[in-house]
Amino acid sequence: MSVPARLAQIRKFLGLSQKEMGKRVRVSGTTWQNYELENAAPNAHVLAHLSGEGFDMNWVLTGQGEMRKAGAAGKQETGFAELAPLELPRNQVGRHRRAHARPALPAPYARHGSGQAHDR
């Protein structure tokens, strides 16, 4: 069995379509389809994601050993893709941009309290 066939087996084991599997590992459905058709090879990010979900990389790459890592069978872990997004308080969003948005004007050009330029 080839790597593409083992990737298809993982997807079927999870009960996902190619599009759903692509989304799960953060690639497009077309990209995942290309992995299964042997038109492309999965990158390190995809392999790391599969490993994080309990799939044995030795099995994925060589066919040796078991599909799931020891202790991963029956264990439902939350994968990276299922983690909730980080919620930031509204006052912290974009803070880094505002700090550098407009430099202070040199003293001769600065406006005074009335909003009018200072007469010299």
N, C-alpha and C. Protein backbone atom coordinates (compact mmCIF):
# COMPACT_ATOMS: atom_id res chain seq x y z
N MET A 1 0.85 -1.18 0.00
CA MET A 1 0.00 0.00 0.00
C MET A 1 0.90 1.25 0.00
N SER A 2 0.54 2.23 -0.79
CA SER A 2 1.34 3.45 -0.93
C SER A 2 0.93 4.52 0.10
N VAL A 3 1.73 5.57 0.20
CA VAL A 3 1.41 6.69 1.09
C VAL A 3 0.04 7.28 0.74
N PRO A 4 -0.25 7.55 -0.55
CA PRO A 4 -1.58 8.08 -0.87
C PRO A 4 -2.72 7.16 -0.42
N ALA A 5 -2.53 5.86 -0.56
CA ALA A 5 -3.56 4.91 -0.12
C ALA A 5 -3.72 4.94 1.40
N ARG A 6 -2.61 5.08 2.11
CA ARG A 6 -2.70 5.17 3.59
C ARG A 6 -3.36 6.48 4.01
N LEU A 7 -3.12 7.58 3.30
CA LEU A 7 -3.80 8.84 3.61
C LEU A 7 -5.30 8.71 3.39
N ALA A 8 -5.69 8.03 2.32
CA ALA A 8 -7.12 7.78 2.07
C ALA A 8 -7.70 6.91 3.18
N GLN A 9 -6.92 5.93 3.64
CA GLN A 9 -7.39 5.05 4.71
C GLN A 9 -7.61 5.84 6.00
N ILE A 10 -6.72 6.78 6.31
CA ILE A 10 -6.88 7.62 7.49
C ILE A 10 -8.16 8.43 7.38
N ARG A 11 -8.38 9.03 6.22
CA ARG A 11 -9.57 9.85 6.01
C ARG A 11 -10.83 9.01 6.19
N LYS A 12 -10.85 7.83 5.61
CA LYS A 12 -12.01 6.95 5.74
C LYS A 12 -12.20 6.48 7.18
N PHE A 13 -11.10 6.22 7.88
CA PHE A 13 -11.15 5.83 9.29
C PHE A 13 -11.85 6.92 10.11
N LEU A 14 -11.57 8.18 9.76
CA LEU A 14 -12.17 9.30 10.47
C LEU A 14 -13.59 9.60 9.97
N GLY A 15 -13.98 8.99 8.85
CA GLY A 15 -15.32 9.19 8.32
C GLY A 15 -15.52 10.55 7.68
N LEU A 16 -14.47 11.06 7.03
CA LEU A 16 -14.53 12.41 6.45
C LEU A 16 -14.45 12.37 4.94
N SER A 17 -15.02 13.39 4.30
CA SER A 17 -14.84 13.58 2.86
C SER A 17 -13.45 14.17 2.63
N GLN A 18 -13.02 14.22 1.38
CA GLN A 18 -11.72 14.83 1.08
C GLN A 18 -11.71 16.30 1.47
N LYS A 19 -12.82 16.99 1.23
CA LYS A 19 -12.91 18.40 1.59
C LYS A 19 -12.83 18.59 3.10
N GLU A 20 -13.54 17.75 3.84
CA GLU A 20 -13.52 17.84 5.32
C GLU A 20 -12.14 17.51 5.87
N MET A 21 -11.49 16.52 5.26
CA MET A 21 -10.14 16.13 5.72
C MET A 21 -9.15 17.25 5.45
N GLY A 22 -9.26 17.87 4.29
CA GLY A 22 -8.39 19.01 3.99
C GLY A 22 -8.56 20.11 5.00
N LYS A 23 -9.80 20.41 5.32
CA LYS A 23 -10.08 21.46 6.31
C LYS A 23 -9.50 21.09 7.67
N ARG A 24 -9.60 19.83 8.02
CA ARG A 24 -9.10 19.36 9.32
C ARG A 24 -7.60 19.55 9.46
N VAL A 25 -6.86 19.38 8.36
CA VAL A 25 -5.41 19.54 8.42
C VAL A 25 -4.95 20.86 7.82
N ARG A 26 -5.90 21.77 7.60
CA ARG A 26 -5.62 23.14 7.14
C ARG A 26 -5.03 23.23 5.74
N VAL A 27 -5.56 22.40 4.85
CA VAL A 27 -5.26 22.54 3.42
C VAL A 27 -6.60 22.49 2.70
N SER A 28 -6.62 22.81 1.42
CA SER A 28 -7.88 22.75 0.68
C SER A 28 -8.26 21.30 0.41
N GLY A 29 -9.52 21.10 0.11
CA GLY A 29 -9.99 19.77 -0.27
C GLY A 29 -9.29 19.27 -1.51
N THR A 30 -9.01 20.17 -2.44
CA THR A 30 -8.31 19.82 -3.67
C THR A 30 -6.89 19.35 -3.37
N THR A 31 -6.23 20.03 -2.42
CA THR A 31 -4.88 19.62 -2.04
C THR A 31 -4.90 18.23 -1.45
N TRP A 32 -5.86 17.97 -0.54
CA TRP A 32 -5.95 16.62 0.05
C TRP A 32 -6.22 15.59 -1.05
N GLN A 33 -7.11 15.93 -1.99
CA GLN A 33 -7.40 15.03 -3.10
C GLN A 33 -6.13 14.73 -3.88
N ASN A 34 -5.29 15.75 -4.10
CA ASN A 34 -4.03 15.55 -4.81
C ASN A 34 -3.09 14.64 -4.03
N TYR A 35 -3.13 14.68 -2.70
CA TYR A 35 -2.32 13.73 -1.91
C TYR A 35 -2.77 12.31 -2.21
N GLU A 36 -4.09 12.10 -2.20
CA GLU A 36 -4.62 10.75 -2.42
C GLU A 36 -4.39 10.27 -3.85
N LEU A 37 -4.34 11.18 -4.80
CA LEU A 37 -4.11 10.82 -6.21
C LEU A 37 -2.62 10.75 -6.57
N GLU A 38 -1.76 11.01 -5.59
CA GLU A 38 -0.31 11.00 -5.78
C GLU A 38 0.17 12.10 -6.72
N ASN A 39 -0.59 13.21 -6.76
CA ASN A 39 -0.17 14.38 -7.54
C ASN A 39 0.62 15.36 -6.69
N ALA A 40 0.63 15.16 -5.39
CA ALA A 40 1.37 16.01 -4.46
C ALA A 40 1.68 15.20 -3.21
N ALA A 41 2.69 15.63 -2.48
CA ALA A 41 3.05 14.97 -1.23
C ALA A 41 2.68 15.88 -0.06
N PRO A 42 2.19 15.31 1.03
CA PRO A 42 1.84 16.14 2.19
C PRO A 42 3.09 16.78 2.79
N ASN A 43 2.95 18.04 3.22
CA ASN A 43 4.09 18.73 3.81
C ASN A 43 4.23 18.37 5.29
N ALA A 44 5.26 18.88 5.93
CA ALA A 44 5.54 18.57 7.33
C ALA A 44 4.40 19.00 8.24
N HIS A 45 3.75 20.12 7.91
CA HIS A 45 2.63 20.60 8.73
C HIS A 45 1.51 19.57 8.75
N VAL A 46 1.16 19.02 7.60
CA VAL A 46 0.09 18.03 7.50
C VAL A 46 0.48 16.77 8.26
N LEU A 47 1.71 16.30 8.07
CA LEU A 47 2.16 15.10 8.77
C LEU A 47 2.18 15.31 10.28
N ALA A 48 2.61 16.49 10.72
CA ALA A 48 2.63 16.78 12.16
C ALA A 48 1.22 16.79 12.72
N HIS A 49 0.29 17.32 11.95
CA HIS A 49 -1.11 17.34 12.40
C HIS A 49 -1.65 15.92 12.55
N LEU A 50 -1.37 15.07 11.58
CA LEU A 50 -1.81 13.68 11.66
C LEU A 50 -1.17 12.97 12.84
N SER A 51 0.10 13.23 13.07
CA SER A 51 0.78 12.64 14.22
C SER A 51 0.14 13.11 15.52
N GLY A 52 -0.19 14.39 15.58
CA GLY A 52 -0.84 14.94 16.77
C GLY A 52 -2.20 14.33 17.03
N GLU A 53 -2.82 13.79 16.00
CA GLU A 53 -4.12 13.14 16.17
C GLU A 53 -3.97 11.64 16.43
N GLY A 54 -2.74 11.19 16.63
CA GLY A 54 -2.52 9.80 17.05
C GLY A 54 -2.16 8.84 15.94
N PHE A 55 -1.90 9.32 14.73
CA PHE A 55 -1.50 8.43 13.65
C PHE A 55 0.01 8.26 13.65
N ASP A 56 0.45 7.04 13.47
CA ASP A 56 1.87 6.71 13.52
C ASP A 56 2.53 7.10 12.20
N MET A 57 3.51 8.01 12.26
CA MET A 57 4.17 8.49 11.05
C MET A 57 4.98 7.40 10.37
N ASN A 58 5.51 6.46 11.12
CA ASN A 58 6.21 5.33 10.50
C ASN A 58 5.24 4.56 9.61
N TRP A 59 4.02 4.34 10.09
CA TRP A 59 3.02 3.64 9.28
C TRP A 59 2.62 4.48 8.07
N VAL A 60 2.38 5.78 8.29
CA VAL A 60 1.96 6.64 7.18
C VAL A 60 3.00 6.64 6.07
N LEU A 61 4.26 6.74 6.42
CA LEU A 61 5.33 6.89 5.42
C LEU A 61 5.85 5.57 4.85
N THR A 62 5.83 4.51 5.67
CA THR A 62 6.42 3.24 5.22
C THR A 62 5.45 2.07 5.18
N GLY A 63 4.35 2.17 5.89
CA GLY A 63 3.42 1.04 5.99
C GLY A 63 3.80 0.06 7.08
N GLN A 64 4.90 0.31 7.78
CA GLN A 64 5.36 -0.56 8.86
C GLN A 64 4.66 -0.20 10.17
N GLY A 65 4.27 -1.20 10.93
CA GLY A 65 3.66 -0.96 12.24
C GLY A 65 2.15 -0.78 12.13
N GLU A 66 1.58 -0.13 13.12
CA GLU A 66 0.14 0.08 13.21
C GLU A 66 -0.24 1.48 12.74
N MET A 67 -1.47 1.63 12.27
CA MET A 67 -1.94 2.94 11.81
C MET A 67 -1.96 3.95 12.95
N ARG A 68 -2.41 3.53 14.13
CA ARG A 68 -2.51 4.42 15.29
C ARG A 68 -1.35 4.16 16.23
N LYS A 69 -0.88 5.22 16.87
CA LYS A 69 0.18 5.10 17.86
C LYS A 69 -0.33 4.28 19.03
N ALA A 70 0.57 3.62 19.72
CA ALA A 70 0.19 2.86 20.92
C ALA A 70 -0.48 3.80 21.91
N GLY A 71 -1.63 3.42 22.41
CA GLY A 71 -2.36 4.25 23.37
C GLY A 71 -3.30 5.24 22.72
N ALA A 72 -3.26 5.36 21.40
CA ALA A 72 -4.13 6.32 20.72
C ALA A 72 -5.47 5.71 20.36
N ALA A 73 -5.54 4.37 20.28
CA ALA A 73 -6.79 3.72 19.90
C ALA A 73 -7.85 3.98 20.97
N GLY A 74 -9.02 4.40 20.52
CA GLY A 74 -10.11 4.66 21.44
C GLY A 74 -9.99 5.97 22.18
N LYS A 75 -8.90 6.65 22.00
CA LYS A 75 -8.67 7.92 22.69
C LYS A 75 -9.05 9.05 21.75
N GLN A 76 -10.09 9.80 22.08
CA GLN A 76 -10.51 10.92 21.23
C GLN A 76 -9.83 12.19 21.75
N GLU A 77 -8.88 12.67 21.01
CA GLU A 77 -8.19 13.89 21.39
C GLU A 77 -8.74 15.05 20.58
N THR A 78 -8.67 16.22 21.14
CA THR A 78 -9.03 17.41 20.39
C THR A 78 -7.83 17.77 19.53
N GLY A 79 -8.03 17.75 18.23
CA GLY A 79 -6.96 18.11 17.32
C GLY A 79 -6.78 19.62 17.27
N PHE A 80 -5.67 20.05 16.70
CA PHE A 80 -5.37 21.48 16.61
C PHE A 80 -6.49 22.24 15.91
N ALA A 81 -7.04 21.64 14.85
CA ALA A 81 -8.07 22.33 14.07
C ALA A 81 -9.36 22.53 14.86
N GLU A 82 -9.58 21.73 15.90
CA GLU A 82 -10.81 21.85 16.67
C GLU A 82 -10.70 22.79 17.86
N LEU A 83 -9.51 23.32 18.12
CA LEU A 83 -9.34 24.23 19.25
C LEU A 83 -10.09 25.54 18.98
N ALA A 84 -10.66 26.10 20.04
CA ALA A 84 -11.39 27.36 19.89
C ALA A 84 -10.40 28.49 19.61
N PRO A 85 -10.78 29.46 18.78
CA PRO A 85 -9.88 30.59 18.51
C PRO A 85 -9.69 31.44 19.76
N LEU A 86 -8.55 32.05 19.87
CA LEU A 86 -8.24 32.91 21.00
C LEU A 86 -9.09 34.17 20.93
N GLU A 87 -9.75 34.49 22.03
CA GLU A 87 -10.57 35.69 22.09
C GLU A 87 -9.77 36.79 22.79
N LEU A 88 -9.58 37.91 22.14
CA LEU A 88 -8.89 39.05 22.72
C LEU A 88 -9.90 40.12 23.11
N PRO A 89 -9.67 40.79 24.24
CA PRO A 89 -10.54 41.91 24.57
C PRO A 89 -10.45 42.95 23.47
N ARG A 90 -11.57 43.60 23.18
CA ARG A 90 -11.64 44.56 22.08
C ARG A 90 -10.58 45.65 22.18
N ASN A 91 -10.24 46.08 23.40
CA ASN A 91 -9.26 47.15 23.54
C ASN A 91 -7.83 46.70 23.24
N GLN A 92 -7.58 45.40 23.07
CA GLN A 92 -6.24 44.91 22.75
C GLN A 92 -6.06 44.62 21.26
N VAL A 93 -7.14 44.55 20.52
CA VAL A 93 -7.06 44.25 19.10
C VAL A 93 -6.48 45.45 18.35
N GLY A 94 -5.41 45.25 17.62
CA GLY A 94 -4.81 46.30 16.82
C GLY A 94 -3.98 47.30 17.62
N ARG A 95 -3.74 47.03 18.89
CA ARG A 95 -2.99 47.96 19.74
C ARG A 95 -1.62 48.27 19.17
N HIS A 96 -0.94 47.28 18.64
CA HIS A 96 0.41 47.49 18.12
C HIS A 96 0.42 48.45 16.94
N ARG A 97 -0.65 48.53 16.18
CA ARG A 97 -0.68 49.44 15.04
C ARG A 97 -0.87 50.88 15.48
N ARG A 98 -1.73 51.09 16.48
CA ARG A 98 -2.00 52.45 16.92
C ARG A 98 -0.78 53.11 17.55
N ALA A 99 0.06 52.34 18.17
CA ALA A 99 1.23 52.91 18.84
C ALA A 99 2.18 53.56 17.84
N HIS A 100 2.18 53.10 16.61
CA HIS A 100 3.11 53.62 15.60
C HIS A 100 2.41 54.35 14.46
N ALA A 101 1.16 54.66 14.64
CA ALA A 101 0.37 55.20 13.55
C ALA A 101 0.83 56.58 13.10
N ARG A 102 1.05 57.51 14.01
CA ARG A 102 1.41 58.87 13.62
C ARG A 102 2.47 59.40 14.59
N PRO A 103 3.67 59.71 14.09
CA PRO A 103 4.70 60.25 14.98
C PRO A 103 4.35 61.68 15.42
N ALA A 104 4.86 62.05 16.57
CA ALA A 104 4.62 63.40 17.08
C ALA A 104 5.33 64.42 16.19
N LEU A 105 4.71 65.58 16.01
CA LEU A 105 5.31 66.64 15.22
C LEU A 105 6.35 67.38 16.05
N PRO A 106 7.42 67.86 15.41
CA PRO A 106 8.40 68.65 16.15
C PRO A 106 7.72 69.91 16.72
N ALA A 107 8.25 70.45 17.79
CA ALA A 107 7.66 71.58 18.52
C ALA A 107 7.22 72.75 17.64
N PRO A 108 7.99 73.23 16.65
CA PRO A 108 7.54 74.40 15.88
C PRO A 108 6.27 74.11 15.06
N TYR A 109 5.99 72.88 14.76
CA TYR A 109 4.85 72.54 13.92
C TYR A 109 3.66 72.01 14.72
N ALA A 110 3.86 71.77 15.99
CA ALA A 110 2.79 71.20 16.82
C ALA A 110 1.66 72.20 16.98
N ARG A 111 0.45 71.70 17.05
CA ARG A 111 -0.71 72.56 17.27
C ARG A 111 -0.87 72.81 18.76
N HIS A 112 -1.41 73.97 19.08
CA HIS A 112 -1.67 74.31 20.47
C HIS A 112 -3.14 74.11 20.75
N GLY A 113 -3.54 74.29 21.99
CA GLY A 113 -4.89 74.02 22.44
C GLY A 113 -6.01 74.59 21.61
N SER A 114 -5.84 75.72 20.95
CA SER A 114 -6.90 76.36 20.19
C SER A 114 -7.12 75.66 18.84
N GLY A 115 -6.19 74.81 18.45
CA GLY A 115 -6.32 74.16 17.15
C GLY A 115 -5.71 74.97 16.03
N GLN A 116 -5.25 76.17 16.30
CA GLN A 116 -4.62 77.04 15.31
C GLN A 116 -3.10 76.91 15.41
N ALA A 117 -2.43 77.06 14.29
CA ALA A 117 -0.97 77.03 14.29
C ALA A 117 -0.46 78.22 15.09
N HIS A 118 0.61 78.04 15.80
CA HIS A 118 1.19 79.08 16.62
C HIS A 118 1.83 80.14 15.73
N ASP A 119 1.51 81.42 16.00
CA ASP A 119 2.14 82.49 15.24
C ASP A 119 3.56 82.68 15.74
N ARG A 120 4.46 83.00 14.82
CA ARG A 120 5.86 83.21 15.21
C ARG A 120 6.13 84.65 15.41
